[in-house]
């Protein structure tokens, strides 16, 4: 059977879900990603938008600039009642229309992305639940392909993929760990989602998750357990718990799991439902 396809920049796969796990002794600064843990489930937080509001501010600046220029242009339009002036205006409108079409989906993401996109690992059901935000850059004004679409997959179908590519805008190198899910019994990838934006952190988090799924919450050291403050955001780069200070973060949509999935992802199956 052929191996599943991997994306651009793929380096290697992390250990399989049921591979024995241990907490890395190098973990001097824990990745603050755990938001909930008990006998049934462990929840990790994913912050996929690092600087919320950036696209909103950019779009607002461009809009104000364009409106100011347009008003000024029409105030002087009697001096430019000629073909050259109309041609200049048409090119100006076309240019800003292109800019708006590029910015629109990113501004919509800025408004629509939830505060975080958690993942729940249920060790009793051996299932994974993703609070996943989907978007379609080619259809910025439509409903299809936009919004939170929670999904659940079996634990045994996961593969963690490490990626590293050269990207000047990210300081030279951009790292990422993604979770891919194969169709049961095949190597056909049916979904691929973001896990962490740092390979080392992804390896640590994946080891923690595997340890929980194999041995339960008592195997997770106390210093990795979550805080009780809902306004604290995971940020391993700071080596501490950082409180939201960006006003756009506070205005972000809150996480609201569908009621049925919320209950299922936090509980063990009934004895009669066990295989």
C-alpha atoms as a PDB file:
ATOM      1  CA  UNK A   1       0.000   0.000   0.000  1.00  0.00           C
ATOM      2  CA  UNK A   2       1.352   3.428  -0.950  1.00  0.00           C
ATOM      3  CA  UNK A   3       2.092   6.008   1.712  1.00  0.00           C
ATOM      4  CA  UNK A   4      -0.346   8.942   2.106  1.00  0.00           C
ATOM      5  CA  UNK A   5       0.486  12.117   0.240  1.00  0.00           C
ATOM      6  CA  UNK A   6       2.336  14.780   2.209  1.00  0.00           C
ATOM      7  CA  UNK A   7       2.285  18.532   1.614  1.00  0.00           C
ATOM      8  CA  UNK A   8       5.061  20.918   0.640  1.00  0.00           C
ATOM      9  CA  UNK A   9       7.728  21.164   3.329  1.00  0.00           C
ATOM     10  CA  UNK A  10       6.960  17.810   5.006  1.00  0.00           C
ATOM     11  CA  UNK A  11       9.939  16.486   6.985  1.00  0.00           C
ATOM     12  CA  UNK A  12       8.737  13.480   8.970  1.00  0.00           C
ATOM     13  CA  UNK A  13       5.817  11.940  10.849  1.00  0.00           C
ATOM     14  CA  UNK A  14       5.676  12.031  14.631  1.00  0.00           C
ATOM     15  CA  UNK A  15       5.203   8.739  16.559  1.00  0.00           C
ATOM     16  CA  UNK A  16       1.975   6.860  15.861  1.00  0.00           C
ATOM     17  CA  UNK A  17      -0.947   7.337  18.312  1.00  0.00           C
ATOM     18  CA  UNK A  18      -0.365   4.128  20.237  1.00  0.00           C
ATOM     19  CA  UNK A  19       3.431   4.438  20.477  1.00  0.00           C
ATOM     20  CA  UNK A  20       4.669   4.484  24.084  1.00  0.00           C
ATOM     21  CA  UNK A  21       4.961   8.053  25.380  1.00  0.00           C
ATOM     22  CA  UNK A  22       7.093   9.788  28.002  1.00  0.00           C
ATOM     23  CA  UNK A  23       7.400  13.431  29.080  1.00  0.00           C
ATOM     24  CA  UNK A  24      10.594  14.820  27.599  1.00  0.00           C
ATOM     25  CA  UNK A  25      13.067  15.763  30.393  1.00  0.00           C
ATOM     26  CA  UNK A  26      14.079  18.792  28.288  1.00  0.00           C
ATOM     27  CA  UNK A  27      10.626  20.237  28.890  1.00  0.00           C
ATOM     28  CA  UNK A  28      11.821  23.041  31.162  1.00  0.00           C
ATOM     29  CA  UNK A  29       9.200  25.494  29.843  1.00  0.00           C
ATOM     30  CA  UNK A  30       5.938  23.599  29.459  1.00  0.00           C
ATOM     31  CA  UNK A  31       3.717  24.266  26.446  1.00  0.00           C
ATOM     32  CA  UNK A  32       0.722  25.976  28.039  1.00  0.00           C
ATOM     33  CA  UNK A  33      -1.917  24.402  25.860  1.00  0.00           C
ATOM     34  CA  UNK A  34      -3.941  22.252  28.267  1.00  0.00           C
ATOM     35  CA  UNK A  35      -7.243  23.912  29.110  1.00  0.00           C
ATOM     36  CA  UNK A  36      -9.102  20.980  30.675  1.00  0.00           C
ATOM     37  CA  UNK A  37      -8.279  17.479  31.889  1.00  0.00           C
ATOM     38  CA  UNK A  38     -10.123  14.766  33.780  1.00  0.00           C
ATOM     39  CA  UNK A  39     -10.647  10.999  33.686  1.00  0.00           C
ATOM     40  CA  UNK A  40     -12.523  11.142  30.391  1.00  0.00           C
ATOM     41  CA  UNK A  41     -10.947  13.818  28.257  1.00  0.00           C
ATOM     42  CA  UNK A  42      -8.055  16.193  27.735  1.00  0.00           C
ATOM     43  CA  UNK A  43      -8.538  19.495  25.906  1.00  0.00           C
ATOM     44  CA  UNK A  44      -5.827  21.420  24.092  1.00  0.00           C
ATOM     45  CA  UNK A  45      -6.118  25.010  22.908  1.00  0.00           C
ATOM     46  CA  UNK A  46      -5.016  26.069  19.435  1.00  0.00           C
ATOM     47  CA  UNK A  47      -4.468  29.757  18.700  1.00  0.00           C
ATOM     48  CA  UNK A  48      -4.433  29.897  14.913  1.00  0.00           C
ATOM     49  CA  UNK A  49      -4.550  33.697  14.608  1.00  0.00           C
ATOM     50  CA  UNK A  50      -1.535  35.218  16.330  1.00  0.00           C
ATOM     51  CA  UNK A  51      -2.361  38.923  15.803  1.00  0.00           C
ATOM     52  CA  UNK A  52      -6.121  39.340  15.727  1.00  0.00           C
ATOM     53  CA  UNK A  53      -7.353  42.640  14.321  1.00  0.00           C
ATOM     54  CA  UNK A  54      -4.452  43.219  11.951  1.00  0.00           C
ATOM     55  CA  UNK A  55      -6.536  42.691   8.835  1.00  0.00           C
ATOM     56  CA  UNK A  56      -9.430  44.710  10.283  1.00  0.00           C
ATOM     57  CA  UNK A  57      -7.148  47.697  10.899  1.00  0.00           C
ATOM     58  CA  UNK A  58      -5.522  47.330   7.468  1.00  0.00           C
ATOM     59  CA  UNK A  59      -8.917  47.179   5.767  1.00  0.00           C
ATOM     60  CA  UNK A  60     -10.159  50.219   7.711  1.00  0.00           C
ATOM     61  CA  UNK A  61      -7.082  52.290   6.805  1.00  0.00           C
ATOM     62  CA  UNK A  62      -7.384  51.417   3.121  1.00  0.00           C
ATOM     63  CA  UNK A  63     -11.136  52.140   3.134  1.00  0.00           C
ATOM     64  CA  UNK A  64     -10.690  55.558   4.776  1.00  0.00           C
ATOM     65  CA  UNK A  65      -7.854  56.431   2.410  1.00  0.00           C
ATOM     66  CA  UNK A  66      -9.863  55.391  -0.644  1.00  0.00           C
ATOM     67  CA  UNK A  67     -12.954  57.288   0.518  1.00  0.00           C
ATOM     68  CA  UNK A  68     -10.943  60.424   1.265  1.00  0.00           C
ATOM     69  CA  UNK A  69      -9.250  60.337  -2.126  1.00  0.00           C
ATOM     70  CA  UNK A  70     -12.544  59.735  -3.922  1.00  0.00           C
ATOM     71  CA  UNK A  71     -14.299  62.630  -2.176  1.00  0.00           C
ATOM     72  CA  UNK A  72     -11.361  64.910  -2.921  1.00  0.00           C
ATOM     73  CA  UNK A  73     -11.330  63.773  -6.544  1.00  0.00           C
ATOM     74  CA  UNK A  74     -15.014  64.527  -7.095  1.00  0.00           C
ATOM     75  CA  UNK A  75     -14.655  67.900  -5.368  1.00  0.00           C
ATOM     76  CA  UNK A  76     -12.196  68.784  -8.114  1.00  0.00           C
ATOM     77  CA  UNK A  77     -13.993  66.835 -10.833  1.00  0.00           C
ATOM     78  CA  UNK A  78     -15.050  69.981 -12.753  1.00  0.00           C
ATOM     79  CA  UNK A  79     -11.323  70.579 -13.394  1.00  0.00           C
ATOM     80  CA  UNK A  80     -10.914  67.066 -14.728  1.00  0.00           C
ATOM     81  CA  UNK A  81     -13.869  66.669 -17.123  1.00  0.00           C
ATOM     82  CA  UNK A  82     -11.820  64.973 -19.763  1.00  0.00           C
ATOM     83  CA  UNK A  83     -10.994  61.483 -20.948  1.00  0.00           C
ATOM     84  CA  UNK A  84      -7.676  61.457 -19.128  1.00  0.00           C
ATOM     85  CA  UNK A  85      -9.305  62.267 -15.786  1.00  0.00           C
ATOM     86  CA  UNK A  86     -11.998  59.596 -16.222  1.00  0.00           C
ATOM     87  CA  UNK A  87      -9.391  57.035 -17.235  1.00  0.00           C
ATOM     88  CA  UNK A  88      -7.337  57.846 -14.147  1.00  0.00           C
ATOM     89  CA  UNK A  89     -10.402  57.436 -11.928  1.00  0.00           C
ATOM     90  CA  UNK A  90     -11.342  54.097 -13.531  1.00  0.00           C
ATOM     91  CA  UNK A  91      -7.852  52.693 -12.942  1.00  0.00           C
ATOM     92  CA  UNK A  92      -7.992  53.935  -9.358  1.00  0.00           C
ATOM     93  CA  UNK A  93     -11.347  52.202  -8.753  1.00  0.00           C
ATOM     94  CA  UNK A  94     -10.102  48.983 -10.389  1.00  0.00           C
ATOM     95  CA  UNK A  95      -6.958  48.971  -8.231  1.00  0.00           C
ATOM     96  CA  UNK A  96      -8.867  49.388  -4.971  1.00  0.00           C
ATOM     97  CA  UNK A  97     -11.453  46.825  -6.029  1.00  0.00           C
ATOM     98  CA  UNK A  98      -8.621  44.303  -6.396  1.00  0.00           C
ATOM     99  CA  UNK A  99      -7.234  45.251  -2.988  1.00  0.00           C
ATOM    100  CA  UNK A 100     -10.664  44.875  -1.347  1.00  0.00           C
ATOM    101  CA  UNK A 101     -11.234  41.480  -3.002  1.00  0.00           C
ATOM    102  CA  UNK A 102      -7.927  40.240  -1.556  1.00  0.00           C
ATOM    103  CA  UNK A 103      -8.503  41.706   1.912  1.00  0.00           C
ATOM    104  CA  UNK A 104     -12.161  40.727   2.340  1.00  0.00           C
ATOM    105  CA  UNK A 105     -11.715  37.020   3.256  1.00  0.00           C
ATOM    106  CA  UNK A 106      -8.939  37.849   5.740  1.00  0.00           C
ATOM    107  CA  UNK A 107     -11.027  40.576   7.383  1.00  0.00           C
ATOM    108  CA  UNK A 108     -13.897  38.101   7.618  1.00  0.00           C
ATOM    109  CA  UNK A 109     -11.568  35.584   9.264  1.00  0.00           C
ATOM    110  CA  UNK A 110     -10.467  38.285  11.726  1.00  0.00           C
ATOM    111  CA  UNK A 111     -14.088  38.779  12.771  1.00  0.00           C
ATOM    112  CA  UNK A 112     -15.175  35.146  12.625  1.00  0.00           C
ATOM    113  CA  UNK A 113     -12.328  33.085  14.069  1.00  0.00           C
ATOM    114  CA  UNK A 114     -13.201  31.937  17.608  1.00  0.00           C
ATOM    115  CA  UNK A 115     -11.031  32.807  20.597  1.00  0.00           C
ATOM    116  CA  UNK A 116      -9.317  29.453  20.130  1.00  0.00           C
ATOM    117  CA  UNK A 117      -9.960  26.203  18.290  1.00  0.00           C
ATOM    118  CA  UNK A 118      -9.735  23.465  20.934  1.00  0.00           C
ATOM    119  CA  UNK A 119      -9.183  19.775  20.388  1.00  0.00           C
ATOM    120  CA  UNK A 120     -10.650  17.213  22.792  1.00  0.00           C
ATOM    121  CA  UNK A 121      -9.100  13.787  23.197  1.00  0.00           C
ATOM    122  CA  UNK A 122     -11.539  11.339  24.787  1.00  0.00           C
ATOM    123  CA  UNK A 123      -9.644   8.319  26.123  1.00  0.00           C
ATOM    124  CA  UNK A 124     -12.791   6.381  27.043  1.00  0.00           C
ATOM    125  CA  UNK A 125     -14.287   6.601  23.562  1.00  0.00           C
ATOM    126  CA  UNK A 126     -10.868   6.714  21.803  1.00  0.00           C
ATOM    127  CA  UNK A 127     -12.077   9.595  19.681  1.00  0.00           C
ATOM    128  CA  UNK A 128     -10.813  13.083  18.858  1.00  0.00           C
ATOM    129  CA  UNK A 129     -13.058  16.151  18.569  1.00  0.00           C
ATOM    130  CA  UNK A 130     -11.919  19.221  16.629  1.00  0.00           C
ATOM    131  CA  UNK A 131     -13.535  22.640  17.052  1.00  0.00           C
ATOM    132  CA  UNK A 132     -12.529  23.534  13.522  1.00  0.00           C
ATOM    133  CA  UNK A 133     -12.990  26.871  11.763  1.00  0.00           C
ATOM    134  CA  UNK A 134     -13.274  26.527   7.991  1.00  0.00           C
ATOM    135  CA  UNK A 135     -12.878  29.272   5.408  1.00  0.00           C
ATOM    136  CA  UNK A 136     -12.980  29.665   1.634  1.00  0.00           C
ATOM    137  CA  UNK A 137     -10.721  32.409   0.267  1.00  0.00           C
ATOM    138  CA  UNK A 138     -12.348  32.124  -3.175  1.00  0.00           C
ATOM    139  CA  UNK A 139     -15.844  32.786  -1.841  1.00  0.00           C
ATOM    140  CA  UNK A 140     -15.466  35.574   0.758  1.00  0.00           C
ATOM    141  CA  UNK A 141     -19.144  36.605   0.733  1.00  0.00           C
ATOM    142  CA  UNK A 142     -20.766  33.164   0.744  1.00  0.00           C
ATOM    143  CA  UNK A 143     -21.903  30.934   3.598  1.00  0.00           C
ATOM    144  CA  UNK A 144     -20.649  27.630   2.207  1.00  0.00           C
ATOM    145  CA  UNK A 145     -17.252  26.682   3.549  1.00  0.00           C
ATOM    146  CA  UNK A 146     -17.255  29.366   6.265  1.00  0.00           C
ATOM    147  CA  UNK A 147     -17.636  29.085  10.016  1.00  0.00           C
ATOM    148  CA  UNK A 148     -17.013  26.580  12.780  1.00  0.00           C
ATOM    149  CA  UNK A 149     -17.610  22.997  11.670  1.00  0.00           C
ATOM    150  CA  UNK A 150     -16.818  20.639  14.580  1.00  0.00           C
ATOM    151  CA  UNK A 151     -15.744  17.156  13.510  1.00  0.00           C
ATOM    152  CA  UNK A 152     -14.835  13.901  15.279  1.00  0.00           C
ATOM    153  CA  UNK A 153     -12.422  11.148  14.232  1.00  0.00           C
ATOM    154  CA  UNK A 154     -11.108   7.896  15.659  1.00  0.00           C
ATOM    155  CA  UNK A 155      -7.852   8.069  17.624  1.00  0.00           C
ATOM    156  CA  UNK A 156      -6.229   5.283  15.588  1.00  0.00           C
ATOM    157  CA  UNK A 157      -6.708   7.170  12.294  1.00  0.00           C
ATOM    158  CA  UNK A 158      -4.503  10.154  13.243  1.00  0.00           C
ATOM    159  CA  UNK A 159      -1.061  10.982  11.877  1.00  0.00           C
ATOM    160  CA  UNK A 160       1.019  13.929  13.111  1.00  0.00           C
ATOM    161  CA  UNK A 161       3.118  15.544  10.354  1.00  0.00           C
ATOM    162  CA  UNK A 162       6.058  17.921  10.884  1.00  0.00           C
ATOM    163  CA  UNK A 163       6.587  20.646   8.250  1.00  0.00           C
ATOM    164  CA  UNK A 164       9.402  23.144   7.787  1.00  0.00           C
ATOM    165  CA  UNK A 165       9.678  25.546   4.851  1.00  0.00           C
ATOM    166  CA  UNK A 166      11.666  28.647   3.997  1.00  0.00           C
ATOM    167  CA  UNK A 167       9.397  31.674   4.378  1.00  0.00           C
ATOM    168  CA  UNK A 168      11.014  35.158   4.483  1.00  0.00           C
ATOM    169  CA  UNK A 169       7.949  36.708   6.113  1.00  0.00           C
ATOM    170  CA  UNK A 170       8.310  34.350   9.084  1.00  0.00           C
ATOM    171  CA  UNK A 171      11.924  35.120   9.906  1.00  0.00           C
ATOM    172  CA  UNK A 172      13.325  32.710   7.331  1.00  0.00           C
ATOM    173  CA  UNK A 173      11.860  29.410   8.492  1.00  0.00           C
ATOM    174  CA  UNK A 174       8.226  28.507   9.125  1.00  0.00           C
ATOM    175  CA  UNK A 175       7.471  25.400  11.165  1.00  0.00           C
ATOM    176  CA  UNK A 176       4.166  23.654  11.665  1.00  0.00           C
ATOM    177  CA  UNK A 177       2.755  20.383  12.907  1.00  0.00           C
ATOM    178  CA  UNK A 178      -0.446  19.193  11.265  1.00  0.00           C
ATOM    179  CA  UNK A 179      -2.839  16.372  12.036  1.00  0.00           C
ATOM    180  CA  UNK A 180      -3.927  14.307   9.060  1.00  0.00           C
ATOM    181  CA  UNK A 181      -6.767  11.807   9.153  1.00  0.00           C
ATOM    182  CA  UNK A 182      -6.950   8.835   6.825  1.00  0.00           C
ATOM    183  CA  UNK A 183     -10.080   7.090   5.677  1.00  0.00           C
ATOM    184  CA  UNK A 184     -10.293   3.896   7.792  1.00  0.00           C
ATOM    185  CA  UNK A 185      -8.504   0.987   6.147  1.00  0.00           C
ATOM    186  CA  UNK A 186      -6.866   3.189   3.501  1.00  0.00           C
ATOM    187  CA  UNK A 187      -4.109   5.769   3.071  1.00  0.00           C
ATOM    188  CA  UNK A 188      -6.533   8.328   1.603  1.00  0.00           C
ATOM    189  CA  UNK A 189      -6.306  11.547   3.604  1.00  0.00           C
ATOM    190  CA  UNK A 190      -9.783  12.953   4.220  1.00  0.00           C
ATOM    191  CA  UNK A 191      -8.814  15.913   6.429  1.00  0.00           C
ATOM    192  CA  UNK A 192      -5.732  17.817   7.558  1.00  0.00           C
ATOM    193  CA  UNK A 193      -5.814  20.388  10.387  1.00  0.00           C
ATOM    194  CA  UNK A 194      -3.395  22.646  12.248  1.00  0.00           C
ATOM    195  CA  UNK A 195      -1.865  21.419  15.539  1.00  0.00           C
ATOM    196  CA  UNK A 196       1.041  23.717  16.512  1.00  0.00           C
ATOM    197  CA  UNK A 197       3.256  26.305  14.802  1.00  0.00           C
ATOM    198  CA  UNK A 198       6.471  24.906  16.280  1.00  0.00           C
ATOM    199  CA  UNK A 199       7.794  21.378  15.726  1.00  0.00           C
ATOM    200  CA  UNK A 200       9.426  20.988  19.146  1.00  0.00           C
ATOM    201  CA  UNK A 201       6.274  22.194  20.888  1.00  0.00           C
ATOM    202  CA  UNK A 202       4.226  19.858  18.700  1.00  0.00           C
ATOM    203  CA  UNK A 203       6.374  16.901  19.750  1.00  0.00           C
ATOM    204  CA  UNK A 204       5.966  17.799  23.440  1.00  0.00           C
ATOM    205  CA  UNK A 205       2.195  18.245  23.107  1.00  0.00           C
ATOM    206  CA  UNK A 206       1.815  15.014  21.172  1.00  0.00           C
ATOM    207  CA  UNK A 207       3.756  13.116  23.843  1.00  0.00           C
ATOM    208  CA  UNK A 208       1.474  14.585  26.534  1.00  0.00           C
ATOM    209  CA  UNK A 209      -1.631  13.594  24.584  1.00  0.00           C
ATOM    210  CA  UNK A 210      -0.390  10.048  23.980  1.00  0.00           C
ATOM    211  CA  UNK A 211       0.551   9.670  27.643  1.00  0.00           C
ATOM    212  CA  UNK A 212      -2.947  10.778  28.666  1.00  0.00           C
ATOM    213  CA  UNK A 213      -4.637   8.430  26.199  1.00  0.00           C
ATOM    214  CA  UNK A 214      -2.493   5.518  27.385  1.00  0.00           C
ATOM    215  CA  UNK A 215      -2.355   6.064  31.156  1.00  0.00           C
ATOM    216  CA  UNK A 216      -4.900   8.735  32.067  1.00  0.00           C
ATOM    217  CA  UNK A 217      -4.700  12.120  33.837  1.00  0.00           C
ATOM    218  CA  UNK A 218      -2.625  10.906  36.788  1.00  0.00           C
ATOM    219  CA  UNK A 219       0.318  10.394  34.434  1.00  0.00           C
ATOM    220  CA  UNK A 220       0.385  14.104  33.534  1.00  0.00           C
ATOM    221  CA  UNK A 221       2.651  16.172  35.854  1.00  0.00           C
ATOM    222  CA  UNK A 222       0.926  18.852  37.903  1.00  0.00           C
ATOM    223  CA  UNK A 223       2.914  21.686  36.303  1.00  0.00           C
ATOM    224  CA  UNK A 224       1.222  20.888  32.979  1.00  0.00           C
ATOM    225  CA  UNK A 225      -2.307  21.138  34.344  1.00  0.00           C
ATOM    226  CA  UNK A 226      -4.443  24.087  33.174  1.00  0.00           C
ATOM    227  CA  UNK A 227      -5.155  27.367  34.905  1.00  0.00           C
ATOM    228  CA  UNK A 228      -8.589  28.293  36.222  1.00  0.00           C
ATOM    229  CA  UNK A 229      -8.458  31.791  34.659  1.00  0.00           C
ATOM    230  CA  UNK A 230     -10.509  31.761  31.405  1.00  0.00           C
ATOM    231  CA  UNK A 231      -8.778  34.939  30.172  1.00  0.00           C
ATOM    232  CA  UNK A 232      -5.328  33.378  30.147  1.00  0.00           C
ATOM    233  CA  UNK A 233      -4.032  32.301  26.762  1.00  0.00           C
ATOM    234  CA  UNK A 234      -1.469  29.549  26.143  1.00  0.00           C
ATOM    235  CA  UNK A 235       1.860  30.978  24.995  1.00  0.00           C
ATOM    236  CA  UNK A 236       4.897  28.761  25.376  1.00  0.00           C
ATOM    237  CA  UNK A 237       7.168  31.406  23.861  1.00  0.00           C
ATOM    238  CA  UNK A 238       6.721  33.558  26.957  1.00  0.00           C
ATOM    239  CA  UNK A 239       7.289  30.689  29.342  1.00  0.00           C
ATOM    240  CA  UNK A 240       4.375  31.898  31.435  1.00  0.00           C
ATOM    241  CA  UNK A 241       0.639  32.459  31.303  1.00  0.00           C
ATOM    242  CA  UNK A 242      -0.118  35.618  29.367  1.00  0.00           C
ATOM    243  CA  UNK A 243      -3.419  37.443  29.792  1.00  0.00           C
ATOM    244  CA  UNK A 244      -5.182  38.713  26.660  1.00  0.00           C
ATOM    245  CA  UNK A 245      -4.302  42.370  26.130  1.00  0.00           C
ATOM    246  CA  UNK A 246      -5.365  42.761  22.522  1.00  0.00           C
ATOM    247  CA  UNK A 247      -8.908  44.249  22.544  1.00  0.00           C
ATOM    248  CA  UNK A 248      -9.761  42.272  19.404  1.00  0.00           C
ATOM    249  CA  UNK A 249      -9.028  39.060  21.303  1.00  0.00           C
ATOM    250  CA  UNK A 250     -11.622  39.968  23.908  1.00  0.00           C
ATOM    251  CA  UNK A 251     -14.196  40.582  21.166  1.00  0.00           C
ATOM    252  CA  UNK A 252     -13.523  37.245  19.450  1.00  0.00           C
ATOM    253  CA  UNK A 253     -16.418  34.745  19.253  1.00  0.00           C
ATOM    254  CA  UNK A 254     -16.457  32.377  22.221  1.00  0.00           C
ATOM    255  CA  UNK A 255     -16.131  28.639  21.822  1.00  0.00           C
ATOM    256  CA  UNK A 256     -19.563  27.025  21.739  1.00  0.00           C
ATOM    257  CA  UNK A 257     -19.526  23.309  21.051  1.00  0.00           C
ATOM    258  CA  UNK A 258     -22.748  21.794  19.678  1.00  0.00           C
ATOM    259  CA  UNK A 259     -24.626  20.422  22.686  1.00  0.00           C
ATOM    260  CA  UNK A 260     -24.539  16.777  21.563  1.00  0.00           C
ATOM    261  CA  UNK A 261     -20.839  16.839  20.697  1.00  0.00           C
ATOM    262  CA  UNK A 262     -19.990  18.766  23.858  1.00  0.00           C
ATOM    263  CA  UNK A 263     -21.626  16.074  25.998  1.00  0.00           C
ATOM    264  CA  UNK A 264     -20.170  13.185  24.024  1.00  0.00           C
ATOM    265  CA  UNK A 265     -16.625  14.582  23.980  1.00  0.00           C
ATOM    266  CA  UNK A 266     -16.591  15.084  27.778  1.00  0.00           C
ATOM    267  CA  UNK A 267     -18.126  11.787  28.889  1.00  0.00           C
ATOM    268  CA  UNK A 268     -17.506   8.056  28.771  1.00  0.00           C
ATOM    269  CA  UNK A 269     -19.797   5.825  26.725  1.00  0.00           C
ATOM    270  CA  UNK A 270     -22.548   3.900  28.485  1.00  0.00           C
ATOM    271  CA  UNK A 271     -21.574   0.321  29.350  1.00  0.00           C
ATOM    272  CA  UNK A 272     -23.995  -0.968  26.759  1.00  0.00           C
ATOM    273  CA  UNK A 273     -22.388   1.174  24.057  1.00  0.00           C
ATOM    274  CA  UNK A 274     -18.890  -0.225  24.540  1.00  0.00           C
ATOM    275  CA  UNK A 275     -17.606  -2.514  21.811  1.00  0.00           C
END
